[in-house]
Amino acid sequence: MKALPKFRTHRLEYVETFMRDMLTSHVSPQSHLRRVIAYDDGHYRALFDPAFFTLAEGAAEPTRSQWNSLKKKIKRHDPHVFIFKEHGSVTGVEGIEGPVYFLDFGYFQT
């Protein structure tokens, strides 16, 4: 397995603003970001409402294509962002009711 890159930290307000913009759907002008968690190694986890994704009729979760489109959108806006492969949904997050989706990312050291 390839080693993870070293990450550069940013002020949490900067990261939250960036992800709030990325998680604003073209369908709704409201951001779906619920929280950003900062980790000691410099990477972050964005927690966001499932309503960000428009699901096909009968679908229970977003398609791989929808996840990839979100990742590409983030990379287009800031090519210094590293996005982890793992993503998905979690429940039981303190202070947040119901399930939320997560995406882990970090900023490359330059």
N, C-alpha and C. Protein backbone atom coordinates (compact mmCIF):
# COMPACT_ATOMS: atom_id res chain seq x y z
N MET A 1 0.83 -1.18 0.00
CA MET A 1 0.00 0.00 0.00
C MET A 1 0.88 1.24 0.00
N LYS A 2 0.51 2.19 -0.79
CA LYS A 2 1.25 3.43 -0.91
C LYS A 2 1.05 4.29 0.34
N ALA A 3 2.12 4.94 0.78
CA ALA A 3 2.03 5.80 1.97
C ALA A 3 1.22 7.05 1.64
N LEU A 4 0.50 7.52 2.64
CA LEU A 4 -0.29 8.75 2.46
C LEU A 4 0.64 9.95 2.42
N PRO A 5 0.26 10.98 1.69
CA PRO A 5 1.09 12.19 1.66
C PRO A 5 1.02 12.92 2.99
N LYS A 6 1.96 13.81 3.22
CA LYS A 6 1.93 14.69 4.39
C LYS A 6 0.91 15.79 4.08
N PHE A 7 0.12 16.15 5.08
CA PHE A 7 -0.91 17.14 4.88
C PHE A 7 -0.56 18.46 5.55
N ARG A 8 -0.99 19.53 4.92
CA ARG A 8 -0.84 20.88 5.46
C ARG A 8 -2.16 21.24 6.14
N THR A 9 -2.08 21.82 7.31
CA THR A 9 -3.30 22.22 8.00
C THR A 9 -3.70 23.63 7.60
N HIS A 10 -4.98 23.89 7.70
CA HIS A 10 -5.56 25.21 7.45
C HIS A 10 -6.43 25.56 8.64
N ARG A 11 -6.75 26.83 8.75
CA ARG A 11 -7.72 27.23 9.77
C ARG A 11 -9.04 26.50 9.48
N LEU A 12 -9.70 26.03 10.50
CA LEU A 12 -10.94 25.28 10.35
C LEU A 12 -11.99 26.12 9.62
N GLU A 13 -12.02 27.44 9.85
CA GLU A 13 -12.98 28.31 9.17
C GLU A 13 -12.77 28.29 7.66
N TYR A 14 -11.50 28.24 7.23
CA TYR A 14 -11.19 28.19 5.81
C TYR A 14 -11.72 26.88 5.20
N VAL A 15 -11.44 25.77 5.89
CA VAL A 15 -11.85 24.46 5.39
C VAL A 15 -13.37 24.36 5.35
N GLU A 16 -14.03 24.86 6.39
CA GLU A 16 -15.50 24.82 6.43
C GLU A 16 -16.10 25.65 5.29
N THR A 17 -15.55 26.82 5.04
CA THR A 17 -16.05 27.67 3.96
C THR A 17 -15.87 26.98 2.61
N PHE A 18 -14.71 26.38 2.40
CA PHE A 18 -14.44 25.68 1.15
C PHE A 18 -15.44 24.54 0.95
N MET A 19 -15.61 23.71 1.97
CA MET A 19 -16.51 22.56 1.83
C MET A 19 -17.97 23.00 1.77
N ARG A 20 -18.31 24.08 2.44
CA ARG A 20 -19.69 24.60 2.35
C ARG A 20 -20.00 24.95 0.90
N ASP A 21 -19.04 25.58 0.23
CA ASP A 21 -19.22 25.92 -1.19
C ASP A 21 -19.31 24.67 -2.06
N MET A 22 -18.47 23.69 -1.78
CA MET A 22 -18.46 22.47 -2.58
C MET A 22 -19.74 21.65 -2.39
N LEU A 23 -20.33 21.76 -1.22
CA LEU A 23 -21.51 20.96 -0.90
C LEU A 23 -22.81 21.76 -1.03
N THR A 24 -22.75 22.80 -1.84
CA THR A 24 -23.96 23.52 -2.19
C THR A 24 -24.40 22.97 -3.53
N SER A 25 -25.55 22.38 -3.55
CA SER A 25 -26.07 21.72 -4.75
C SER A 25 -26.58 22.74 -5.76
N HIS A 26 -26.49 22.40 -7.02
CA HIS A 26 -27.05 23.27 -8.07
C HIS A 26 -28.57 23.26 -8.02
N VAL A 27 -29.14 22.26 -7.36
CA VAL A 27 -30.60 22.15 -7.24
C VAL A 27 -31.12 23.07 -6.13
N SER A 28 -30.35 23.21 -5.07
CA SER A 28 -30.76 24.01 -3.92
C SER A 28 -29.62 24.95 -3.54
N PRO A 29 -29.93 26.22 -3.29
CA PRO A 29 -28.87 27.17 -2.94
C PRO A 29 -28.32 27.00 -1.51
N GLN A 30 -28.86 26.07 -0.75
CA GLN A 30 -28.40 25.87 0.62
C GLN A 30 -27.28 24.84 0.65
N SER A 31 -26.31 25.07 1.53
CA SER A 31 -25.23 24.11 1.70
C SER A 31 -25.70 22.93 2.53
N HIS A 32 -25.18 21.76 2.21
CA HIS A 32 -25.55 20.55 2.93
C HIS A 32 -24.49 20.13 3.95
N LEU A 33 -23.43 20.95 4.10
CA LEU A 33 -22.39 20.64 5.07
C LEU A 33 -22.95 20.69 6.48
N ARG A 34 -22.67 19.67 7.25
CA ARG A 34 -23.11 19.64 8.65
C ARG A 34 -21.95 19.94 9.61
N ARG A 35 -20.78 19.38 9.30
CA ARG A 35 -19.64 19.57 10.18
C ARG A 35 -18.36 19.17 9.47
N VAL A 36 -17.25 19.80 9.87
CA VAL A 36 -15.92 19.38 9.42
C VAL A 36 -15.15 18.98 10.67
N ILE A 37 -14.55 17.81 10.62
CA ILE A 37 -13.75 17.30 11.73
C ILE A 37 -12.29 17.34 11.31
N ALA A 38 -11.44 17.94 12.14
CA ALA A 38 -10.01 18.00 11.88
C ALA A 38 -9.31 16.89 12.64
N TYR A 39 -8.37 16.20 11.99
CA TYR A 39 -7.62 15.12 12.62
C TYR A 39 -6.18 15.55 12.84
N ASP A 40 -5.51 14.87 13.78
CA ASP A 40 -4.14 15.24 14.16
C ASP A 40 -3.15 15.15 13.01
N ASP A 41 -3.38 14.27 12.05
CA ASP A 41 -2.44 14.13 10.93
C ASP A 41 -2.64 15.19 9.85
N GLY A 42 -3.59 16.11 10.06
CA GLY A 42 -3.80 17.20 9.11
C GLY A 42 -4.91 16.96 8.11
N HIS A 43 -5.56 15.81 8.15
CA HIS A 43 -6.66 15.60 7.21
C HIS A 43 -7.98 15.95 7.89
N TYR A 44 -9.02 16.05 7.08
CA TYR A 44 -10.33 16.49 7.55
C TYR A 44 -11.39 15.50 7.09
N ARG A 45 -12.51 15.51 7.80
CA ARG A 45 -13.68 14.73 7.39
C ARG A 45 -14.86 15.70 7.29
N ALA A 46 -15.46 15.76 6.12
CA ALA A 46 -16.67 16.56 5.92
C ALA A 46 -17.88 15.65 6.12
N LEU A 47 -18.79 16.07 6.98
CA LEU A 47 -20.04 15.36 7.20
C LEU A 47 -21.14 16.20 6.57
N PHE A 48 -21.98 15.58 5.73
CA PHE A 48 -22.99 16.36 5.04
C PHE A 48 -24.29 15.59 4.86
N ASP A 49 -25.36 16.35 4.64
CA ASP A 49 -26.69 15.78 4.50
C ASP A 49 -26.80 14.92 3.25
N PRO A 50 -27.49 13.79 3.37
CA PRO A 50 -27.74 12.95 2.19
C PRO A 50 -28.51 13.69 1.09
N ALA A 51 -29.22 14.75 1.44
CA ALA A 51 -30.01 15.51 0.46
C ALA A 51 -29.12 16.19 -0.59
N PHE A 52 -27.81 16.22 -0.37
CA PHE A 52 -26.92 16.80 -1.38
C PHE A 52 -27.06 16.07 -2.71
N PHE A 53 -27.17 14.75 -2.64
CA PHE A 53 -27.28 13.93 -3.84
C PHE A 53 -28.75 13.76 -4.24
N THR A 54 -29.02 13.88 -5.52
CA THR A 54 -30.34 13.57 -6.05
C THR A 54 -30.31 12.11 -6.47
N LEU A 55 -31.09 11.30 -5.79
CA LEU A 55 -31.07 9.87 -6.06
C LEU A 55 -32.07 9.50 -7.14
N ALA A 56 -31.70 8.52 -7.92
CA ALA A 56 -32.62 7.98 -8.93
C ALA A 56 -33.76 7.28 -8.20
N GLU A 57 -34.89 7.21 -8.86
CA GLU A 57 -36.06 6.58 -8.26
C GLU A 57 -35.73 5.15 -7.83
N GLY A 58 -36.02 4.84 -6.59
CA GLY A 58 -35.77 3.51 -6.06
C GLY A 58 -34.37 3.30 -5.51
N ALA A 59 -33.46 4.26 -5.72
CA ALA A 59 -32.08 4.12 -5.23
C ALA A 59 -32.01 4.48 -3.75
N ALA A 60 -31.22 3.74 -3.01
CA ALA A 60 -31.07 3.98 -1.57
C ALA A 60 -29.85 4.83 -1.25
N GLU A 61 -28.91 4.89 -2.18
CA GLU A 61 -27.69 5.67 -1.94
C GLU A 61 -27.15 6.19 -3.26
N PRO A 62 -26.24 7.17 -3.19
CA PRO A 62 -25.69 7.74 -4.42
C PRO A 62 -24.89 6.72 -5.22
N THR A 63 -24.83 6.95 -6.51
CA THR A 63 -24.06 6.07 -7.38
C THR A 63 -22.57 6.39 -7.27
N ARG A 64 -21.77 5.50 -7.75
CA ARG A 64 -20.33 5.73 -7.81
C ARG A 64 -20.02 6.97 -8.65
N SER A 65 -20.77 7.16 -9.72
CA SER A 65 -20.61 8.32 -10.58
C SER A 65 -20.88 9.62 -9.83
N GLN A 66 -21.90 9.63 -8.98
CA GLN A 66 -22.20 10.83 -8.21
C GLN A 66 -21.08 11.16 -7.23
N TRP A 67 -20.53 10.15 -6.58
CA TRP A 67 -19.39 10.38 -5.68
C TRP A 67 -18.19 10.91 -6.47
N ASN A 68 -17.92 10.30 -7.63
CA ASN A 68 -16.78 10.73 -8.44
C ASN A 68 -16.97 12.16 -8.94
N SER A 69 -18.19 12.53 -9.27
CA SER A 69 -18.46 13.90 -9.72
C SER A 69 -18.17 14.89 -8.60
N LEU A 70 -18.55 14.55 -7.38
CA LEU A 70 -18.26 15.42 -6.24
C LEU A 70 -16.75 15.55 -6.04
N LYS A 71 -16.04 14.44 -6.12
CA LYS A 71 -14.59 14.48 -5.96
C LYS A 71 -13.93 15.32 -7.04
N LYS A 72 -14.39 15.19 -8.29
CA LYS A 72 -13.84 15.99 -9.39
C LYS A 72 -14.14 17.47 -9.20
N LYS A 73 -15.33 17.79 -8.72
CA LYS A 73 -15.70 19.18 -8.46
C LYS A 73 -14.73 19.79 -7.45
N ILE A 74 -14.45 19.06 -6.38
CA ILE A 74 -13.53 19.55 -5.35
C ILE A 74 -12.13 19.75 -5.94
N LYS A 75 -11.64 18.78 -6.71
CA LYS A 75 -10.30 18.88 -7.31
C LYS A 75 -10.20 20.02 -8.31
N ARG A 76 -11.29 20.30 -9.04
CA ARG A 76 -11.28 21.43 -9.99
C ARG A 76 -11.14 22.76 -9.25
N HIS A 77 -11.75 22.86 -8.09
CA HIS A 77 -11.69 24.11 -7.33
C HIS A 77 -10.39 24.29 -6.57
N ASP A 78 -9.77 23.19 -6.17
CA ASP A 78 -8.48 23.28 -5.49
C ASP A 78 -7.67 22.01 -5.79
N PRO A 79 -6.75 22.10 -6.76
CA PRO A 79 -5.96 20.92 -7.14
C PRO A 79 -5.00 20.43 -6.05
N HIS A 80 -4.86 21.19 -4.95
CA HIS A 80 -3.98 20.78 -3.86
C HIS A 80 -4.70 19.92 -2.83
N VAL A 81 -5.93 19.53 -3.13
CA VAL A 81 -6.69 18.69 -2.21
C VAL A 81 -6.48 17.22 -2.57
N PHE A 82 -6.17 16.43 -1.56
CA PHE A 82 -6.08 14.98 -1.69
C PHE A 82 -7.39 14.42 -1.13
N ILE A 83 -8.06 13.57 -1.89
CA ILE A 83 -9.32 13.00 -1.45
C ILE A 83 -9.13 11.50 -1.24
N PHE A 84 -9.48 11.03 -0.07
CA PHE A 84 -9.37 9.61 0.24
C PHE A 84 -10.39 8.82 -0.57
N LYS A 85 -10.05 7.57 -0.87
CA LYS A 85 -10.95 6.72 -1.64
C LYS A 85 -12.22 6.38 -0.86
N GLU A 86 -12.05 6.15 0.43
CA GLU A 86 -13.20 5.74 1.25
C GLU A 86 -14.15 6.91 1.47
N HIS A 87 -15.41 6.63 1.33
CA HIS A 87 -16.49 7.59 1.58
C HIS A 87 -17.73 6.77 1.90
N GLY A 88 -18.78 7.42 2.36
CA GLY A 88 -19.99 6.66 2.65
C GLY A 88 -20.88 7.36 3.64
N SER A 89 -21.62 6.56 4.40
CA SER A 89 -22.54 7.14 5.37
C SER A 89 -22.20 6.63 6.77
N VAL A 90 -22.52 7.45 7.75
CA VAL A 90 -22.34 7.09 9.15
C VAL A 90 -23.57 7.55 9.92
N THR A 91 -23.82 6.87 11.01
CA THR A 91 -24.90 7.27 11.92
C THR A 91 -24.32 7.38 13.31
N GLY A 92 -25.08 8.00 14.19
CA GLY A 92 -24.64 8.11 15.57
C GLY A 92 -23.58 9.16 15.81
N VAL A 93 -23.51 10.16 14.93
CA VAL A 93 -22.55 11.24 15.13
C VAL A 93 -23.11 12.17 16.20
N GLU A 94 -22.32 12.45 17.21
CA GLU A 94 -22.77 13.29 18.32
C GLU A 94 -23.26 14.65 17.82
N GLY A 95 -24.47 14.99 18.21
CA GLY A 95 -25.04 16.29 17.85
C GLY A 95 -25.71 16.34 16.49
N ILE A 96 -25.71 15.23 15.76
CA ILE A 96 -26.35 15.19 14.44
C ILE A 96 -27.32 14.01 14.42
N GLU A 97 -28.57 14.31 14.14
CA GLU A 97 -29.57 13.25 14.07
C GLU A 97 -29.56 12.60 12.69
N GLY A 98 -29.79 11.31 12.68
CA GLY A 98 -29.91 10.58 11.43
C GLY A 98 -28.57 10.34 10.76
N PRO A 99 -28.62 9.67 9.63
CA PRO A 99 -27.38 9.38 8.90
C PRO A 99 -26.84 10.62 8.18
N VAL A 100 -25.54 10.66 8.02
CA VAL A 100 -24.87 11.69 7.21
C VAL A 100 -23.84 10.99 6.35
N TYR A 101 -23.51 11.62 5.23
CA TYR A 101 -22.43 11.12 4.39
C TYR A 101 -21.13 11.75 4.83
N PHE A 102 -20.02 11.05 4.56
CA PHE A 102 -18.72 11.60 4.89
C PHE A 102 -17.78 11.49 3.70
N LEU A 103 -16.83 12.40 3.68
CA LEU A 103 -15.77 12.42 2.68
C LEU A 103 -14.52 12.92 3.39
N ASP A 104 -13.44 12.14 3.34
CA ASP A 104 -12.18 12.51 3.98
C ASP A 104 -11.25 13.12 2.95
N PHE A 105 -10.54 14.17 3.37
CA PHE A 105 -9.65 14.87 2.45
C PHE A 105 -8.56 15.60 3.23
N GLY A 106 -7.53 16.02 2.53
CA GLY A 106 -6.46 16.79 3.12
C GLY A 106 -5.85 17.69 2.07
N TYR A 107 -5.03 18.61 2.50
CA TYR A 107 -4.36 19.54 1.59
C TYR A 107 -2.89 19.14 1.50
N PHE A 108 -2.42 18.92 0.28
CA PHE A 108 -1.02 18.55 0.07
C PHE A 108 -0.10 19.63 0.63
N GLN A 109 1.01 19.20 1.22
CA GLN A 109 2.04 20.16 1.60
C GLN A 109 2.75 20.60 0.33
N THR A 110 2.99 21.87 0.21
CA THR A 110 3.67 22.38 -1.00
C THR A 110 5.00 22.98 -0.67
